[in-house]
Amino acid sequence: GFHKADAMCALSERPNAIDQVSAAIDFLCLTLHEDELPKQFAPKADVEVVQYADEDQIQQRKLAARMADLFATSRSAAERALRNCQGEPSRAFRLLFNGVVYRGGSPP
């Protein structure tokens, strides 16, 4: 299934949806990288996903992938941390670290 953090984020994105589960699944399918989708939601072999990005976006995605590996989290969570920290890697690392150590919260 989906990572818990991704599912919680998706539910918070559509709090007033009539069918929250359906809205959350739509959100996850549209925002997660295809490698992060569960098998039942992954694109089929005959589907080609074309993505255009500039060099900065490509570098941010590579950094997010490395961060996701380091913190055993999803790529979308790492990308979200980078966005929330205006692309500053040290702040994003701290945010992800605090999420792991303090279970999504901040230090006491």
C-alpha atoms as a PDB file:
ATOM      1  CA  GLY A   1       0.000   0.000   0.000  1.00  0.00           C
ATOM      2  CA  PHE A   2       0.875   3.655   0.237  1.00  0.00           C
ATOM      3  CA  HIS A   3       3.324   4.978   2.850  1.00  0.00           C
ATOM      4  CA  LYS A   4       1.472   6.186   5.943  1.00  0.00           C
ATOM      5  CA  ALA A   5       3.000   9.681   5.711  1.00  0.00           C
ATOM      6  CA  ASP A   6       1.868  10.011   2.080  1.00  0.00           C
ATOM      7  CA  ALA A   7      -1.651   8.827   2.945  1.00  0.00           C
ATOM      8  CA  MET A   8      -1.927  11.306   5.829  1.00  0.00           C
ATOM      9  CA  CYS A   9      -0.718  14.115   3.578  1.00  0.00           C
ATOM     10  CA  ALA A  10      -3.250  13.157   0.892  1.00  0.00           C
ATOM     11  CA  LEU A  11      -6.112  13.146   3.397  1.00  0.00           C
ATOM     12  CA  SER A  12      -5.096  16.579   4.670  1.00  0.00           C
ATOM     13  CA  GLU A  13      -5.029  17.959   1.102  1.00  0.00           C
ATOM     14  CA  ARG A  14      -8.737  17.212   0.584  1.00  0.00           C
ATOM     15  CA  PRO A  15     -10.359  17.562   4.047  1.00  0.00           C
ATOM     16  CA  ASN A  16     -13.788  18.571   2.715  1.00  0.00           C
ATOM     17  CA  ALA A  17     -14.082  15.994  -0.059  1.00  0.00           C
ATOM     18  CA  ILE A  18     -17.310  14.001  -0.015  1.00  0.00           C
ATOM     19  CA  ASP A  19     -15.394  10.774  -0.583  1.00  0.00           C
ATOM     20  CA  GLN A  20     -12.084  11.372   1.195  1.00  0.00           C
ATOM     21  CA  VAL A  21     -10.640   7.960   0.340  1.00  0.00           C
ATOM     22  CA  SER A  22     -11.278   8.374  -3.376  1.00  0.00           C
ATOM     23  CA  ALA A  23      -9.944  11.961  -3.311  1.00  0.00           C
ATOM     24  CA  ALA A  24      -6.849  10.845  -1.390  1.00  0.00           C
ATOM     25  CA  ILE A  25      -6.142   8.025  -3.860  1.00  0.00           C
ATOM     26  CA  ASP A  26      -6.535  10.447  -6.772  1.00  0.00           C
ATOM     27  CA  PHE A  27      -4.151  12.892  -5.088  1.00  0.00           C
ATOM     28  CA  LEU A  28      -1.556  10.163  -4.416  1.00  0.00           C
ATOM     29  CA  CYS A  29      -1.734   8.782  -7.957  1.00  0.00           C
ATOM     30  CA  LEU A  30      -1.248  12.253  -9.408  1.00  0.00           C
ATOM     31  CA  THR A  31       1.535  13.437  -7.100  1.00  0.00           C
ATOM     32  CA  LEU A  32       3.681  10.403  -6.273  1.00  0.00           C
ATOM     33  CA  HIS A  33       6.395   9.207  -8.597  1.00  0.00           C
ATOM     34  CA  GLU A  34       5.271   6.059 -10.423  1.00  0.00           C
ATOM     35  CA  ASP A  35       7.971   4.021  -8.627  1.00  0.00           C
ATOM     36  CA  GLU A  36       6.287   4.851  -5.299  1.00  0.00           C
ATOM     37  CA  LEU A  37       2.816   3.663  -6.289  1.00  0.00           C
ATOM     38  CA  PRO A  38       1.528   0.283  -5.069  1.00  0.00           C
ATOM     39  CA  LYS A  39       1.323  -2.321  -7.832  1.00  0.00           C
ATOM     40  CA  GLN A  40      -2.444  -1.970  -8.269  1.00  0.00           C
ATOM     41  CA  PHE A  41      -2.008   1.761  -9.033  1.00  0.00           C
ATOM     42  CA  ALA A  42       1.220   1.594 -11.032  1.00  0.00           C
ATOM     43  CA  PRO A  43       1.090   2.368 -14.746  1.00  0.00           C
ATOM     44  CA  LYS A  44       0.980  -0.573 -17.090  1.00  0.00           C
ATOM     45  CA  ALA A  45       3.890  -1.429 -19.388  1.00  0.00           C
ATOM     46  CA  ASP A  46       2.228   0.183 -22.399  1.00  0.00           C
ATOM     47  CA  VAL A  47       1.883   3.575 -20.690  1.00  0.00           C
ATOM     48  CA  GLU A  48       4.668   6.058 -21.221  1.00  0.00           C
ATOM     49  CA  VAL A  49       4.976   8.866 -18.713  1.00  0.00           C
ATOM     50  CA  VAL A  50       6.649  11.932 -20.164  1.00  0.00           C
ATOM     51  CA  GLN A  51       7.971  14.479 -17.764  1.00  0.00           C
ATOM     52  CA  TYR A  52       9.623  17.759 -18.582  1.00  0.00           C
ATOM     53  CA  ALA A  53      11.959  19.376 -16.087  1.00  0.00           C
ATOM     54  CA  ASP A  54      14.713  21.913 -16.052  1.00  0.00           C
ATOM     55  CA  GLU A  55      18.174  21.141 -14.632  1.00  0.00           C
ATOM     56  CA  ASP A  56      17.335  22.549 -11.177  1.00  0.00           C
ATOM     57  CA  GLN A  57      14.241  20.344 -10.933  1.00  0.00           C
ATOM     58  CA  ILE A  58      16.263  17.308 -11.980  1.00  0.00           C
ATOM     59  CA  GLN A  59      18.883  18.037  -9.311  1.00  0.00           C
ATOM     60  CA  GLN A  60      16.169  18.559  -6.674  1.00  0.00           C
ATOM     61  CA  ARG A  61      14.590  15.206  -7.575  1.00  0.00           C
ATOM     62  CA  LYS A  62      17.968  13.460  -7.338  1.00  0.00           C
ATOM     63  CA  LEU A  63      18.600  15.069  -3.958  1.00  0.00           C
ATOM     64  CA  ALA A  64      15.113  14.086  -2.783  1.00  0.00           C
ATOM     65  CA  ALA A  65      15.723  10.481  -3.871  1.00  0.00           C
ATOM     66  CA  ARG A  66      18.982  10.378  -1.871  1.00  0.00           C
ATOM     67  CA  MET A  67      17.274  11.937   1.139  1.00  0.00           C
ATOM     68  CA  ALA A  68      14.419   9.429   0.921  1.00  0.00           C
ATOM     69  CA  ASP A  69      16.934   6.580   0.967  1.00  0.00           C
ATOM     70  CA  LEU A  70      18.808   8.052   3.930  1.00  0.00           C
ATOM     71  CA  PHE A  71      15.689   8.545   6.034  1.00  0.00           C
ATOM     72  CA  ALA A  72      13.780   5.459   4.818  1.00  0.00           C
ATOM     73  CA  THR A  73      10.881   7.636   3.711  1.00  0.00           C
ATOM     74  CA  SER A  74       9.067   8.197   0.442  1.00  0.00           C
ATOM     75  CA  ARG A  75      10.457  10.370  -2.302  1.00  0.00           C
ATOM     76  CA  SER A  76       7.392  12.595  -2.115  1.00  0.00           C
ATOM     77  CA  ALA A  77       8.029  13.211   1.611  1.00  0.00           C
ATOM     78  CA  ALA A  78      11.614  14.220   0.821  1.00  0.00           C
ATOM     79  CA  GLU A  79      10.457  16.484  -2.039  1.00  0.00           C
ATOM     80  CA  ARG A  80       7.859  18.018   0.281  1.00  0.00           C
ATOM     81  CA  ALA A  81      10.580  18.690   2.901  1.00  0.00           C
ATOM     82  CA  LEU A  82      12.709  20.416   0.253  1.00  0.00           C
ATOM     83  CA  ARG A  83       9.747  22.530  -0.891  1.00  0.00           C
ATOM     84  CA  ASN A  84       8.844  23.461   2.695  1.00  0.00           C
ATOM     85  CA  CYS A  85      12.467  24.520   3.266  1.00  0.00           C
ATOM     86  CA  GLN A  86      12.722  26.533   0.016  1.00  0.00           C
ATOM     87  CA  GLY A  87      15.167  24.000  -1.440  1.00  0.00           C
ATOM     88  CA  GLU A  88      17.721  24.337   1.368  1.00  0.00           C
ATOM     89  CA  PRO A  89      19.103  20.816   1.882  1.00  0.00           C
ATOM     90  CA  SER A  90      20.345  21.317   5.461  1.00  0.00           C
ATOM     91  CA  ARG A  91      16.928  22.539   6.638  1.00  0.00           C
ATOM     92  CA  ALA A  92      15.179  19.727   4.753  1.00  0.00           C
ATOM     93  CA  PHE A  93      17.522  17.145   6.330  1.00  0.00           C
ATOM     94  CA  ARG A  94      16.702  18.555   9.775  1.00  0.00           C
ATOM     95  CA  LEU A  95      12.967  18.445   9.031  1.00  0.00           C
ATOM     96  CA  LEU A  96      13.148  14.809   7.908  1.00  0.00           C
ATOM     97  CA  PHE A  97      15.392  13.880  10.840  1.00  0.00           C
ATOM     98  CA  ASN A  98      12.964  15.437  13.330  1.00  0.00           C
ATOM     99  CA  GLY A  99      10.107  13.590  11.636  1.00  0.00           C
ATOM    100  CA  VAL A 100      11.898  10.279  12.162  1.00  0.00           C
ATOM    101  CA  VAL A 101      13.187  10.920  15.670  1.00  0.00           C
ATOM    102  CA  TYR A 102      10.128  12.735  17.033  1.00  0.00           C
ATOM    103  CA  ARG A 103       7.556  10.849  14.931  1.00  0.00           C
ATOM    104  CA  GLY A 104       6.429  13.730  12.785  1.00  0.00           C
ATOM    105  CA  GLY A 105       6.719  16.370  15.498  1.00  0.00           C
ATOM    106  CA  SER A 106       9.387  18.766  16.532  1.00  0.00           C
ATOM    107  CA  PRO A 107      11.904  18.510  19.359  1.00  0.00           C
ATOM    108  CA  PRO A 108      10.517  19.200  22.845  1.00  0.00           C
END
